[in-house]
Amino acid sequence: MREFKGSAHLSVSRFALESKLHLDDHMATKKSASSKGKAKVRKVMEEHKEGKLKSGSGKKVASRKQAVAIALSEARKSGADIPPKKKKS
């Protein structure tokens, strides 16, 4: 009777371990929404720093705040998990 308990515990822990390994593999292959957003913001801010970032009208962006707004907007469009803009009251 004692051997049955031990083997049952062993099989459960093996199952749990295999499930965790499977989960870890899946998580490693799929890029999270936040990392997509970070990458997009980093790319846009580098463009701003180099002076290559342009607004929708085609003019160069001089303001850091405007560059951040463009970066967040592009990140939202790419599917990143970024909260929507706050509305003015």
N, C-alpha and C. Protein backbone atom coordinates (compact mmCIF):
# COMPACT_ATOMS: atom_id res chain seq x y z
N MET A 1 0.82 -1.19 0.00
CA MET A 1 0.00 0.00 0.00
C MET A 1 0.87 1.26 0.00
N ARG A 2 1.96 1.21 0.68
CA ARG A 2 2.83 2.37 0.73
C ARG A 2 3.48 2.62 -0.63
N GLU A 3 3.83 1.59 -1.36
CA GLU A 3 4.43 1.73 -2.67
C GLU A 3 3.48 2.42 -3.65
N PHE A 4 2.19 2.14 -3.51
CA PHE A 4 1.19 2.75 -4.39
C PHE A 4 1.15 4.26 -4.20
N LYS A 5 1.20 4.68 -2.93
CA LYS A 5 1.20 6.11 -2.65
C LYS A 5 2.42 6.78 -3.27
N GLY A 6 3.58 6.16 -3.08
CA GLY A 6 4.81 6.73 -3.59
C GLY A 6 4.81 6.82 -5.10
N SER A 7 4.34 5.78 -5.78
CA SER A 7 4.34 5.79 -7.24
C SER A 7 3.32 6.79 -7.78
N ALA A 8 2.19 6.92 -7.08
CA ALA A 8 1.19 7.90 -7.51
C ALA A 8 1.75 9.31 -7.39
N HIS A 9 2.45 9.56 -6.30
CA HIS A 9 3.06 10.87 -6.09
C HIS A 9 4.13 11.14 -7.16
N LEU A 10 4.88 10.09 -7.47
CA LEU A 10 5.93 10.22 -8.47
C LEU A 10 5.34 10.57 -9.83
N SER A 11 4.25 9.90 -10.21
CA SER A 11 3.66 10.16 -11.52
C SER A 11 3.04 11.56 -11.58
N VAL A 12 2.48 12.02 -10.47
CA VAL A 12 1.89 13.36 -10.45
C VAL A 12 2.99 14.40 -10.58
N SER A 13 4.07 14.22 -9.86
CA SER A 13 5.14 15.21 -9.93
C SER A 13 5.79 15.20 -11.32
N ARG A 14 5.89 14.02 -11.95
CA ARG A 14 6.45 13.96 -13.30
C ARG A 14 5.53 14.71 -14.27
N PHE A 15 4.22 14.52 -14.11
CA PHE A 15 3.25 15.22 -14.95
C PHE A 15 3.37 16.73 -14.77
N ALA A 16 3.48 17.16 -13.51
CA ALA A 16 3.60 18.59 -13.22
C ALA A 16 4.86 19.16 -13.84
N LEU A 17 5.95 18.39 -13.75
CA LEU A 17 7.22 18.84 -14.32
C LEU A 17 7.13 18.95 -15.83
N GLU A 18 6.52 17.95 -16.49
CA GLU A 18 6.37 17.99 -17.94
C GLU A 18 5.48 19.15 -18.37
N SER A 19 4.43 19.41 -17.60
CA SER A 19 3.54 20.53 -17.92
C SER A 19 4.28 21.85 -17.82
N LYS A 20 5.09 21.99 -16.77
CA LYS A 20 5.84 23.23 -16.58
C LYS A 20 6.85 23.42 -17.71
N LEU A 21 7.52 22.35 -18.10
CA LEU A 21 8.49 22.46 -19.20
C LEU A 21 7.78 22.86 -20.49
N HIS A 22 6.62 22.28 -20.72
CA HIS A 22 5.86 22.62 -21.92
C HIS A 22 5.45 24.09 -21.89
N LEU A 23 5.02 24.56 -20.72
CA LEU A 23 4.62 25.96 -20.59
C LEU A 23 5.80 26.88 -20.83
N ASP A 24 6.96 26.53 -20.27
CA ASP A 24 8.14 27.37 -20.43
C ASP A 24 8.54 27.45 -21.91
N ASP A 25 8.45 26.34 -22.63
CA ASP A 25 8.77 26.34 -24.06
C ASP A 25 7.83 27.26 -24.82
N HIS A 26 6.55 27.20 -24.48
CA HIS A 26 5.57 28.03 -25.17
C HIS A 26 5.80 29.50 -24.88
N MET A 27 6.12 29.82 -23.63
CA MET A 27 6.32 31.20 -23.24
C MET A 27 7.56 31.78 -23.92
N ALA A 28 8.57 30.96 -24.13
CA ALA A 28 9.80 31.46 -24.72
C ALA A 28 9.63 31.80 -26.20
N THR A 29 8.74 31.11 -26.89
CA THR A 29 8.60 31.34 -28.31
C THR A 29 7.69 32.52 -28.62
N LYS A 30 6.74 32.79 -27.76
CA LYS A 30 5.79 33.87 -28.02
C LYS A 30 6.25 35.15 -27.34
N LYS A 31 6.30 36.24 -28.09
CA LYS A 31 6.72 37.52 -27.54
C LYS A 31 5.54 38.16 -26.83
N SER A 32 5.75 38.64 -25.63
CA SER A 32 4.66 39.25 -24.88
C SER A 32 4.34 40.63 -25.44
N ALA A 33 3.14 41.09 -25.14
CA ALA A 33 2.70 42.39 -25.65
C ALA A 33 3.55 43.52 -25.08
N SER A 34 3.96 43.38 -23.82
CA SER A 34 4.75 44.45 -23.22
C SER A 34 6.14 44.54 -23.85
N SER A 35 6.72 43.39 -24.21
CA SER A 35 8.05 43.46 -24.84
C SER A 35 7.95 44.04 -26.25
N LYS A 36 6.82 43.77 -26.94
CA LYS A 36 6.61 44.38 -28.25
C LYS A 36 6.54 45.90 -28.11
N GLY A 37 5.81 46.34 -27.09
CA GLY A 37 5.67 47.77 -26.85
C GLY A 37 6.98 48.44 -26.50
N LYS A 38 7.77 47.76 -25.66
CA LYS A 38 9.07 48.32 -25.28
C LYS A 38 9.98 48.46 -26.48
N ALA A 39 9.97 47.44 -27.33
CA ALA A 39 10.83 47.48 -28.52
C ALA A 39 10.42 48.61 -29.45
N LYS A 40 9.12 48.80 -29.63
CA LYS A 40 8.62 49.85 -30.52
C LYS A 40 8.97 51.23 -29.96
N VAL A 41 8.78 51.42 -28.66
CA VAL A 41 9.08 52.71 -28.03
C VAL A 41 10.58 52.99 -28.14
N ARG A 42 11.40 51.97 -27.88
CA ARG A 42 12.85 52.14 -27.97
C ARG A 42 13.25 52.57 -29.38
N LYS A 43 12.66 51.93 -30.40
CA LYS A 43 12.99 52.23 -31.79
C LYS A 43 12.63 53.67 -32.14
N VAL A 44 11.43 54.09 -31.76
CA VAL A 44 10.98 55.45 -32.08
C VAL A 44 11.80 56.49 -31.35
N MET A 45 12.14 56.23 -30.09
CA MET A 45 12.93 57.20 -29.33
C MET A 45 14.35 57.31 -29.88
N GLU A 46 14.89 56.21 -30.40
CA GLU A 46 16.21 56.28 -31.04
C GLU A 46 16.14 57.13 -32.31
N GLU A 47 15.05 56.98 -33.08
CA GLU A 47 14.86 57.81 -34.28
C GLU A 47 14.82 59.28 -33.89
N HIS A 48 14.11 59.59 -32.79
CA HIS A 48 14.00 60.98 -32.34
C HIS A 48 15.38 61.51 -31.95
N LYS A 49 16.14 60.67 -31.23
CA LYS A 49 17.47 61.08 -30.78
C LYS A 49 18.39 61.36 -31.96
N GLU A 50 18.24 60.57 -33.03
CA GLU A 50 19.07 60.76 -34.23
C GLU A 50 18.55 61.88 -35.13
N GLY A 51 17.35 62.40 -34.83
CA GLY A 51 16.77 63.48 -35.63
C GLY A 51 16.06 62.99 -36.88
N LYS A 52 15.70 61.70 -36.92
CA LYS A 52 15.06 61.13 -38.11
C LYS A 52 13.56 60.93 -37.94
N LEU A 53 13.03 61.18 -36.75
CA LEU A 53 11.60 60.97 -36.50
C LEU A 53 10.78 62.09 -37.11
N LYS A 54 9.75 61.71 -37.86
CA LYS A 54 8.88 62.70 -38.49
C LYS A 54 7.45 62.46 -38.06
N SER A 55 6.69 63.54 -37.99
CA SER A 55 5.28 63.44 -37.63
C SER A 55 4.47 63.05 -38.86
N GLY A 56 3.18 62.96 -38.70
CA GLY A 56 2.30 62.57 -39.80
C GLY A 56 2.34 63.56 -40.96
N SER A 57 2.60 64.83 -40.67
CA SER A 57 2.65 65.84 -41.73
C SER A 57 3.98 65.83 -42.47
N GLY A 58 4.96 65.07 -41.97
CA GLY A 58 6.26 64.99 -42.63
C GLY A 58 7.33 65.88 -42.04
N LYS A 59 6.96 66.70 -41.05
CA LYS A 59 7.93 67.57 -40.41
C LYS A 59 8.70 66.81 -39.33
N LYS A 60 9.94 67.22 -39.08
CA LYS A 60 10.73 66.59 -38.04
C LYS A 60 10.15 66.90 -36.67
N VAL A 61 10.20 65.91 -35.79
CA VAL A 61 9.69 66.08 -34.43
C VAL A 61 10.81 66.64 -33.58
N ALA A 62 10.57 67.80 -32.94
CA ALA A 62 11.58 68.44 -32.12
C ALA A 62 11.32 68.21 -30.64
N SER A 63 10.06 67.99 -30.28
CA SER A 63 9.68 67.86 -28.89
C SER A 63 9.80 66.41 -28.41
N ARG A 64 10.41 66.23 -27.24
CA ARG A 64 10.53 64.90 -26.65
C ARG A 64 9.15 64.35 -26.29
N LYS A 65 8.25 65.22 -25.81
CA LYS A 65 6.90 64.78 -25.45
C LYS A 65 6.14 64.28 -26.67
N GLN A 66 6.31 64.96 -27.79
CA GLN A 66 5.65 64.53 -29.02
C GLN A 66 6.22 63.19 -29.48
N ALA A 67 7.52 62.99 -29.30
CA ALA A 67 8.15 61.73 -29.67
C ALA A 67 7.60 60.58 -28.83
N VAL A 68 7.40 60.82 -27.53
CA VAL A 68 6.82 59.79 -26.65
C VAL A 68 5.40 59.47 -27.09
N ALA A 69 4.62 60.50 -27.44
CA ALA A 69 3.25 60.29 -27.88
C ALA A 69 3.20 59.44 -29.15
N ILE A 70 4.09 59.72 -30.08
CA ILE A 70 4.16 58.95 -31.33
C ILE A 70 4.57 57.51 -31.03
N ALA A 71 5.53 57.32 -30.13
CA ALA A 71 6.00 55.98 -29.78
C ALA A 71 4.89 55.15 -29.16
N LEU A 72 4.15 55.73 -28.22
CA LEU A 72 3.06 54.99 -27.59
C LEU A 72 1.94 54.69 -28.57
N SER A 73 1.66 55.61 -29.45
CA SER A 73 0.63 55.40 -30.45
C SER A 73 0.99 54.25 -31.39
N GLU A 74 2.24 54.23 -31.85
CA GLU A 74 2.69 53.15 -32.74
C GLU A 74 2.71 51.81 -32.01
N ALA A 75 3.07 51.83 -30.72
CA ALA A 75 3.10 50.60 -29.95
C ALA A 75 1.68 50.04 -29.78
N ARG A 76 0.70 50.92 -29.56
CA ARG A 76 -0.69 50.48 -29.45
C ARG A 76 -1.16 49.85 -30.75
N LYS A 77 -0.79 50.46 -31.87
CA LYS A 77 -1.19 49.93 -33.18
C LYS A 77 -0.59 48.55 -33.44
N SER A 78 0.61 48.30 -32.89
CA SER A 78 1.26 47.02 -33.11
C SER A 78 0.74 45.93 -32.18
N GLY A 79 -0.19 46.28 -31.29
CA GLY A 79 -0.81 45.28 -30.43
C GLY A 79 -0.23 45.20 -29.04
N ALA A 80 0.56 46.17 -28.64
CA ALA A 80 1.14 46.16 -27.30
C ALA A 80 0.07 46.47 -26.27
N ASP A 81 0.29 45.98 -25.07
CA ASP A 81 -0.67 46.15 -23.99
C ASP A 81 -0.38 47.46 -23.27
N ILE A 82 -0.78 48.57 -23.88
CA ILE A 82 -0.56 49.90 -23.33
C ILE A 82 -1.92 50.54 -23.10
N PRO A 83 -2.15 51.11 -21.92
CA PRO A 83 -3.45 51.70 -21.64
C PRO A 83 -3.79 52.83 -22.61
N PRO A 84 -5.07 53.03 -22.90
CA PRO A 84 -5.45 54.11 -23.83
C PRO A 84 -5.13 55.49 -23.26
N LYS A 85 -5.11 56.48 -24.16
CA LYS A 85 -4.84 57.86 -23.75
C LYS A 85 -5.92 58.32 -22.78
N LYS A 86 -5.52 59.17 -21.83
CA LYS A 86 -6.49 59.74 -20.91
C LYS A 86 -7.23 60.86 -21.62
N LYS A 87 -8.52 60.91 -21.41
CA LYS A 87 -9.34 61.94 -22.06
C LYS A 87 -9.37 63.19 -21.19
N LYS A 88 -9.35 64.33 -21.84
CA LYS A 88 -9.44 65.59 -21.11
C LYS A 88 -10.88 65.80 -20.67
N SER A 89 -11.04 66.32 -19.47
CA SER A 89 -12.41 66.53 -18.97
C SER A 89 -12.87 67.95 -19.14
